[in-house]
Amino acid sequence: MGTDKKHVKLQFERCKTISPAGEGAEVGPRRSPIATSGEHQDLRQILGTMQHSLTQIDGKLDSLLYRMDRMSERLDQHVERLDQSEKRVSEVEDAQTELATRQVKLNN
């Protein structure tokens, strides 16, 4: 898709339409509903590139989701281990408290 002056002028000419002011009067930047074969080819190329890009993005997102799932599973395992460790610490603290209480009773 060119942006040179000739291309812009041709596009501008295609925007003219018949109006009450007379044939060929400018009524605004309205595009003709008929696209040229070159424009169709440009659009096909753009759409193909966009589709390819979206396919790549979709693949990367799938990969990221898989990795996130794996990380979530590992995190859950670590949290479970931490919970078990906290439970053990609590049991040890309770046992130490009971042992200290028994020692005090024995000494008295």
C-alpha atoms as a PDB file:
ATOM      1  CA  MET A   1       0.000   0.000   0.000  1.00  0.00           C
ATOM      2  CA  GLY A   2       1.662   3.137  -1.238  1.00  0.00           C
ATOM      3  CA  THR A   3       1.641   6.505   0.417  1.00  0.00           C
ATOM      4  CA  ASP A   4       3.180   8.501  -2.395  1.00  0.00           C
ATOM      5  CA  LYS A   5       1.410  11.616  -3.742  1.00  0.00           C
ATOM      6  CA  LYS A   6       0.115   9.866  -6.867  1.00  0.00           C
ATOM      7  CA  HIS A   7      -1.505   7.091  -4.805  1.00  0.00           C
ATOM      8  CA  VAL A   8      -3.075   9.625  -2.428  1.00  0.00           C
ATOM      9  CA  LYS A   9      -4.404  11.665  -5.343  1.00  0.00           C
ATOM     10  CA  LEU A  10      -5.916   8.558  -6.942  1.00  0.00           C
ATOM     11  CA  GLN A  11      -7.596   7.633  -3.661  1.00  0.00           C
ATOM     12  CA  PHE A  12      -8.913  11.206  -3.356  1.00  0.00           C
ATOM     13  CA  GLU A  13     -10.334  11.054  -6.885  1.00  0.00           C
ATOM     14  CA  ARG A  14     -12.127   7.821  -5.999  1.00  0.00           C
ATOM     15  CA  CYS A  15     -13.734   9.590  -3.019  1.00  0.00           C
ATOM     16  CA  LYS A  16     -15.616  12.024  -5.251  1.00  0.00           C
ATOM     17  CA  THR A  17     -19.233  11.229  -5.974  1.00  0.00           C
ATOM     18  CA  ILE A  18     -22.266  12.783  -7.606  1.00  0.00           C
ATOM     19  CA  SER A  19     -23.997  15.241  -5.309  1.00  0.00           C
ATOM     20  CA  PRO A  20     -26.620  17.956  -5.609  1.00  0.00           C
ATOM     21  CA  ALA A  21     -23.766  20.428  -6.063  1.00  0.00           C
ATOM     22  CA  GLY A  22     -22.921  18.781  -9.373  1.00  0.00           C
ATOM     23  CA  GLU A  23     -21.239  15.745 -10.825  1.00  0.00           C
ATOM     24  CA  GLY A  24     -17.847  15.055  -9.288  1.00  0.00           C
ATOM     25  CA  ALA A  25     -18.330  17.513  -6.426  1.00  0.00           C
ATOM     26  CA  GLU A  26     -16.429  16.631  -3.300  1.00  0.00           C
ATOM     27  CA  VAL A  27     -18.712  15.512  -0.493  1.00  0.00           C
ATOM     28  CA  GLY A  28     -16.102  14.256   1.951  1.00  0.00           C
ATOM     29  CA  PRO A  29     -13.625  11.485   2.397  1.00  0.00           C
ATOM     30  CA  ARG A  30     -15.995   8.641   1.544  1.00  0.00           C
ATOM     31  CA  ARG A  31     -14.441   5.509   0.093  1.00  0.00           C
ATOM     32  CA  SER A  32     -15.804   3.882  -2.975  1.00  0.00           C
ATOM     33  CA  PRO A  33     -17.418   0.531  -2.136  1.00  0.00           C
ATOM     34  CA  ILE A  34     -15.436  -1.090  -4.942  1.00  0.00           C
ATOM     35  CA  ALA A  35     -11.844  -1.933  -4.075  1.00  0.00           C
ATOM     36  CA  THR A  36      -9.222  -2.531  -6.725  1.00  0.00           C
ATOM     37  CA  SER A  37      -7.598  -5.922  -7.125  1.00  0.00           C
ATOM     38  CA  GLY A  38      -4.387  -4.404  -5.751  1.00  0.00           C
ATOM     39  CA  GLU A  39      -6.250  -3.308  -2.653  1.00  0.00           C
ATOM     40  CA  HIS A  40      -7.747  -6.780  -2.332  1.00  0.00           C
ATOM     41  CA  GLN A  41      -4.288  -8.275  -2.586  1.00  0.00           C
ATOM     42  CA  ASP A  42      -2.962  -5.812   0.024  1.00  0.00           C
ATOM     43  CA  LEU A  43      -5.835  -6.669   2.344  1.00  0.00           C
ATOM     44  CA  ARG A  44      -5.294 -10.408   1.846  1.00  0.00           C
ATOM     45  CA  GLN A  45      -1.627  -9.969   2.647  1.00  0.00           C
ATOM     46  CA  ILE A  46      -2.388  -7.902   5.753  1.00  0.00           C
ATOM     47  CA  LEU A  47      -5.005 -10.402   6.928  1.00  0.00           C
ATOM     48  CA  GLY A  48      -2.618 -13.292   6.308  1.00  0.00           C
ATOM     49  CA  THR A  49       0.081 -11.567   8.330  1.00  0.00           C
ATOM     50  CA  MET A  50      -2.393 -10.801  11.113  1.00  0.00           C
ATOM     51  CA  GLN A  51      -3.634 -14.410  11.133  1.00  0.00           C
ATOM     52  CA  HIS A  52      -0.058 -15.686  11.329  1.00  0.00           C
ATOM     53  CA  SER A  53       0.682 -13.272  14.182  1.00  0.00           C
ATOM     54  CA  LEU A  54      -2.470 -14.309  16.044  1.00  0.00           C
ATOM     55  CA  THR A  55      -1.553 -17.973  15.617  1.00  0.00           C
ATOM     56  CA  GLN A  56       1.894 -17.280  17.080  1.00  0.00           C
ATOM     57  CA  ILE A  57       0.372 -15.319  19.968  1.00  0.00           C
ATOM     58  CA  ASP A  58      -2.117 -18.132  20.598  1.00  0.00           C
ATOM     59  CA  GLY A  59       0.730 -20.646  20.749  1.00  0.00           C
ATOM     60  CA  LYS A  60       2.689 -18.464  23.147  1.00  0.00           C
ATOM     61  CA  LEU A  61      -0.386 -18.008  25.353  1.00  0.00           C
ATOM     62  CA  ASP A  62      -0.934 -21.782  25.422  1.00  0.00           C
ATOM     63  CA  SER A  63       2.688 -22.236  26.454  1.00  0.00           C
ATOM     64  CA  LEU A  64       2.357 -19.601  29.178  1.00  0.00           C
ATOM     65  CA  LEU A  65      -0.860 -21.172  30.473  1.00  0.00           C
ATOM     66  CA  TYR A  66       0.831 -24.583  30.627  1.00  0.00           C
ATOM     67  CA  ARG A  67       3.777 -23.095  32.517  1.00  0.00           C
ATOM     68  CA  MET A  68       1.436 -21.238  34.874  1.00  0.00           C
ATOM     69  CA  ASP A  69      -0.446 -24.479  35.586  1.00  0.00           C
ATOM     70  CA  ARG A  70       2.815 -26.243  36.386  1.00  0.00           C
ATOM     71  CA  MET A  71       3.922 -23.382  38.638  1.00  0.00           C
ATOM     72  CA  SER A  72       0.533 -23.405  40.366  1.00  0.00           C
ATOM     73  CA  GLU A  73       0.861 -27.145  41.031  1.00  0.00           C
ATOM     74  CA  ARG A  74       4.333 -26.659  42.462  1.00  0.00           C
ATOM     75  CA  LEU A  75       3.146 -23.747  44.573  1.00  0.00           C
ATOM     76  CA  ASP A  76       0.296 -25.886  45.919  1.00  0.00           C
ATOM     77  CA  GLN A  77       2.833 -28.588  46.845  1.00  0.00           C
ATOM     78  CA  HIS A  78       5.010 -26.047  48.654  1.00  0.00           C
ATOM     79  CA  VAL A  79       2.005 -24.652  50.523  1.00  0.00           C
ATOM     80  CA  GLU A  80       1.013 -28.180  51.553  1.00  0.00           C
ATOM     81  CA  ARG A  81       4.546 -28.864  52.807  1.00  0.00           C
ATOM     82  CA  LEU A  82       4.547 -25.568  54.697  1.00  0.00           C
ATOM     83  CA  ASP A  83       1.209 -26.432  56.323  1.00  0.00           C
ATOM     84  CA  GLN A  84       2.609 -29.817  57.369  1.00  0.00           C
ATOM     85  CA  SER A  85       5.734 -28.157  58.769  1.00  0.00           C
ATOM     86  CA  GLU A  86       3.663 -25.640  60.729  1.00  0.00           C
ATOM     87  CA  LYS A  87       1.571 -28.504  62.129  1.00  0.00           C
ATOM     88  CA  ARG A  88       4.733 -30.345  63.206  1.00  0.00           C
ATOM     89  CA  VAL A  89       6.142 -27.205  64.838  1.00  0.00           C
ATOM     90  CA  SER A  90       2.876 -26.744  66.716  1.00  0.00           C
ATOM     91  CA  GLU A  91       2.985 -30.402  67.878  1.00  0.00           C
ATOM     92  CA  VAL A  92       6.605 -30.010  69.036  1.00  0.00           C
ATOM     93  CA  GLU A  93       5.759 -26.790  70.907  1.00  0.00           C
ATOM     94  CA  ASP A  94       2.800 -28.527  72.594  1.00  0.00           C
ATOM     95  CA  ALA A  95       5.025 -31.467  73.571  1.00  0.00           C
ATOM     96  CA  GLN A  96       7.672 -29.112  74.965  1.00  0.00           C
ATOM     97  CA  THR A  97       5.036 -27.266  76.996  1.00  0.00           C
ATOM     98  CA  GLU A  98       3.698 -30.532  78.395  1.00  0.00           C
ATOM     99  CA  LEU A  99       7.227 -31.745  79.182  1.00  0.00           C
ATOM    100  CA  ALA A 100       8.008 -28.483  81.009  1.00  0.00           C
ATOM    101  CA  THR A 101       4.750 -28.792  82.967  1.00  0.00           C
ATOM    102  CA  ARG A 102       5.616 -32.386  83.986  1.00  0.00           C
ATOM    103  CA  GLN A 103       9.113 -31.363  85.052  1.00  0.00           C
ATOM    104  CA  VAL A 104       7.710 -28.585  87.234  1.00  0.00           C
ATOM    105  CA  LYS A 105       5.292 -31.077  88.851  1.00  0.00           C
ATOM    106  CA  LEU A 106       8.128 -33.570  89.443  1.00  0.00           C
ATOM    107  CA  ASN A 107      10.363 -30.932  91.011  1.00  0.00           C
ATOM    108  CA  ASN A 108       7.635 -29.827  93.416  1.00  0.00           C
END
